[in-house]
Amino acid sequence: MVGVARVELHLPACQNLKDKRAIVKSAIHRLRGKFNVSVAEMTYLEQWQRTELVIAAVANDMAFLQKELAACVRFVENAPDVELIRSETEYYD
């Protein structure tokens, strides 16, 4: 089974792309290290205060996959300098 979470974020402290990339790179690095998931910035690449991260995970147990992706979304939501706009999760067999 594969789970994919899309997390759209507002980065109010960013004044330029350099600020944004520092926050996004840090979040991606921490997610990959803590949860062993794949993460990429997908949209709003040239906007200073907005981004969308896509988090993907693979597991053989649906309950574990749901718990893991929910923990990833909470982790991003609680990150400093980040405001969650929306998130959605999809699962594939």
C-alpha atoms as a PDB file:
ATOM      1  CA  MET A   1       0.000   0.000   0.000  1.00  0.00           C
ATOM      2  CA  VAL A   2       1.083   3.528  -0.749  1.00  0.00           C
ATOM      3  CA  GLY A   3       0.012   6.668   1.065  1.00  0.00           C
ATOM      4  CA  VAL A   4       0.446  10.208  -0.225  1.00  0.00           C
ATOM      5  CA  ALA A   5      -0.126  13.340   1.851  1.00  0.00           C
ATOM      6  CA  ARG A   6      -0.221  16.785   0.262  1.00  0.00           C
ATOM      7  CA  VAL A   7       0.452  19.608   2.703  1.00  0.00           C
ATOM      8  CA  GLU A   8       0.004  23.224   1.611  1.00  0.00           C
ATOM      9  CA  LEU A   9       1.834  25.717   3.826  1.00  0.00           C
ATOM     10  CA  HIS A  10       2.032  29.456   4.400  1.00  0.00           C
ATOM     11  CA  LEU A  11       5.479  30.761   5.445  1.00  0.00           C
ATOM     12  CA  PRO A  12       4.772  34.233   6.884  1.00  0.00           C
ATOM     13  CA  ALA A  13       8.342  34.970   8.024  1.00  0.00           C
ATOM     14  CA  CYS A  14       9.866  34.595   4.554  1.00  0.00           C
ATOM     15  CA  GLN A  15      10.969  37.789   2.821  1.00  0.00           C
ATOM     16  CA  ASN A  16      12.650  36.132  -0.165  1.00  0.00           C
ATOM     17  CA  LEU A  17      13.242  32.747  -1.813  1.00  0.00           C
ATOM     18  CA  LYS A  18      16.408  32.189   0.219  1.00  0.00           C
ATOM     19  CA  ASP A  19      14.405  32.342   3.475  1.00  0.00           C
ATOM     20  CA  LYS A  20      11.782  30.012   2.033  1.00  0.00           C
ATOM     21  CA  ARG A  21      14.265  27.447   0.797  1.00  0.00           C
ATOM     22  CA  ALA A  22      15.995  27.336   4.205  1.00  0.00           C
ATOM     23  CA  ILE A  23      12.698  26.539   5.962  1.00  0.00           C
ATOM     24  CA  VAL A  24      11.539  24.046   3.318  1.00  0.00           C
ATOM     25  CA  LYS A  25      14.884  22.226   3.145  1.00  0.00           C
ATOM     26  CA  SER A  26      14.959  21.938   6.932  1.00  0.00           C
ATOM     27  CA  ALA A  27      11.418  20.542   7.049  1.00  0.00           C
ATOM     28  CA  ILE A  28      12.144  18.021   4.293  1.00  0.00           C
ATOM     29  CA  HIS A  29      15.372  16.889   5.966  1.00  0.00           C
ATOM     30  CA  ARG A  30      13.696  16.455   9.366  1.00  0.00           C
ATOM     31  CA  LEU A  31      10.731  14.552   7.876  1.00  0.00           C
ATOM     32  CA  ARG A  32      12.989  12.169   5.972  1.00  0.00           C
ATOM     33  CA  GLY A  33      15.131  11.532   9.032  1.00  0.00           C
ATOM     34  CA  LYS A  34      12.383  11.099  11.600  1.00  0.00           C
ATOM     35  CA  PHE A  35       9.782   9.171   9.585  1.00  0.00           C
ATOM     36  CA  ASN A  36      11.707   7.492   6.742  1.00  0.00           C
ATOM     37  CA  VAL A  37       9.357   8.876   4.066  1.00  0.00           C
ATOM     38  CA  SER A  38       9.876  10.457   0.675  1.00  0.00           C
ATOM     39  CA  VAL A  39       9.244  14.210   0.591  1.00  0.00           C
ATOM     40  CA  ALA A  40       9.366  16.777  -2.196  1.00  0.00           C
ATOM     41  CA  GLU A  41       8.351  20.388  -2.721  1.00  0.00           C
ATOM     42  CA  MET A  42       5.934  20.281  -5.635  1.00  0.00           C
ATOM     43  CA  THR A  43       4.238  23.611  -6.317  1.00  0.00           C
ATOM     44  CA  TYR A  44       4.645  27.335  -5.672  1.00  0.00           C
ATOM     45  CA  LEU A  45       8.391  26.996  -6.241  1.00  0.00           C
ATOM     46  CA  GLU A  46       8.890  30.685  -7.011  1.00  0.00           C
ATOM     47  CA  GLN A  47       6.513  32.122  -4.412  1.00  0.00           C
ATOM     48  CA  TRP A  48       8.111  33.400  -1.219  1.00  0.00           C
ATOM     49  CA  GLN A  49       5.488  32.605   1.371  1.00  0.00           C
ATOM     50  CA  ARG A  50       3.720  29.532   0.042  1.00  0.00           C
ATOM     51  CA  THR A  51       4.654  25.946  -0.680  1.00  0.00           C
ATOM     52  CA  GLU A  52       3.217  22.480  -1.075  1.00  0.00           C
ATOM     53  CA  LEU A  53       5.033  19.426   0.231  1.00  0.00           C
ATOM     54  CA  VAL A  54       4.126  15.939  -0.936  1.00  0.00           C
ATOM     55  CA  ILE A  55       4.936  13.133   1.476  1.00  0.00           C
ATOM     56  CA  ALA A  56       4.849   9.507   0.317  1.00  0.00           C
ATOM     57  CA  ALA A  57       5.183   6.305   2.316  1.00  0.00           C
ATOM     58  CA  VAL A  58       4.901   2.603   1.591  1.00  0.00           C
ATOM     59  CA  ALA A  59       3.796  -0.079   4.075  1.00  0.00           C
ATOM     60  CA  ASN A  60       2.045  -3.432   4.138  1.00  0.00           C
ATOM     61  CA  ASP A  61      -0.341  -2.409   6.957  1.00  0.00           C
ATOM     62  CA  MET A  62      -2.979   0.279   6.317  1.00  0.00           C
ATOM     63  CA  ALA A  63      -3.299   1.236  10.001  1.00  0.00           C
ATOM     64  CA  PHE A  64       0.450   1.832  10.255  1.00  0.00           C
ATOM     65  CA  LEU A  65       0.451   3.853   7.038  1.00  0.00           C
ATOM     66  CA  GLN A  66      -2.417   6.061   8.224  1.00  0.00           C
ATOM     67  CA  LYS A  67      -0.750   6.641  11.585  1.00  0.00           C
ATOM     68  CA  GLU A  68       2.607   7.432   9.991  1.00  0.00           C
ATOM     69  CA  LEU A  69       1.220   9.980   7.516  1.00  0.00           C
ATOM     70  CA  ALA A  70      -0.944  11.613  10.186  1.00  0.00           C
ATOM     71  CA  ALA A  71       2.177  11.974  12.351  1.00  0.00           C
ATOM     72  CA  CYS A  72       4.040  13.544   9.399  1.00  0.00           C
ATOM     73  CA  VAL A  73       1.280  16.108   8.856  1.00  0.00           C
ATOM     74  CA  ARG A  74       1.221  16.975  12.590  1.00  0.00           C
ATOM     75  CA  PHE A  75       5.013  17.283  12.565  1.00  0.00           C
ATOM     76  CA  VAL A  76       4.923  19.778   9.678  1.00  0.00           C
ATOM     77  CA  GLU A  77       1.993  21.642  11.204  1.00  0.00           C
ATOM     78  CA  ASN A  78       3.915  22.141  14.458  1.00  0.00           C
ATOM     79  CA  ALA A  79       7.117  23.292  12.771  1.00  0.00           C
ATOM     80  CA  PRO A  80       8.261  26.853  13.569  1.00  0.00           C
ATOM     81  CA  ASP A  81       7.560  29.596  10.993  1.00  0.00           C
ATOM     82  CA  VAL A  82       4.947  27.433   9.234  1.00  0.00           C
ATOM     83  CA  GLU A  83       1.159  27.718   9.038  1.00  0.00           C
ATOM     84  CA  LEU A  84      -0.881  24.848   7.626  1.00  0.00           C
ATOM     85  CA  ILE A  85      -3.310  25.960   4.899  1.00  0.00           C
ATOM     86  CA  ARG A  86      -4.669  22.524   4.033  1.00  0.00           C
ATOM     87  CA  SER A  87      -3.729  18.872   3.876  1.00  0.00           C
ATOM     88  CA  GLU A  88      -5.173  15.858   2.149  1.00  0.00           C
ATOM     89  CA  THR A  89      -4.162  12.225   2.214  1.00  0.00           C
ATOM     90  CA  GLU A  90      -4.812   9.498  -0.339  1.00  0.00           C
ATOM     91  CA  TYR A  91      -4.138   5.773  -0.163  1.00  0.00           C
ATOM     92  CA  TYR A  92      -3.537   3.320  -2.993  1.00  0.00           C
ATOM     93  CA  ASP A  93      -3.548  -0.468  -2.937  1.00  0.00           C
END
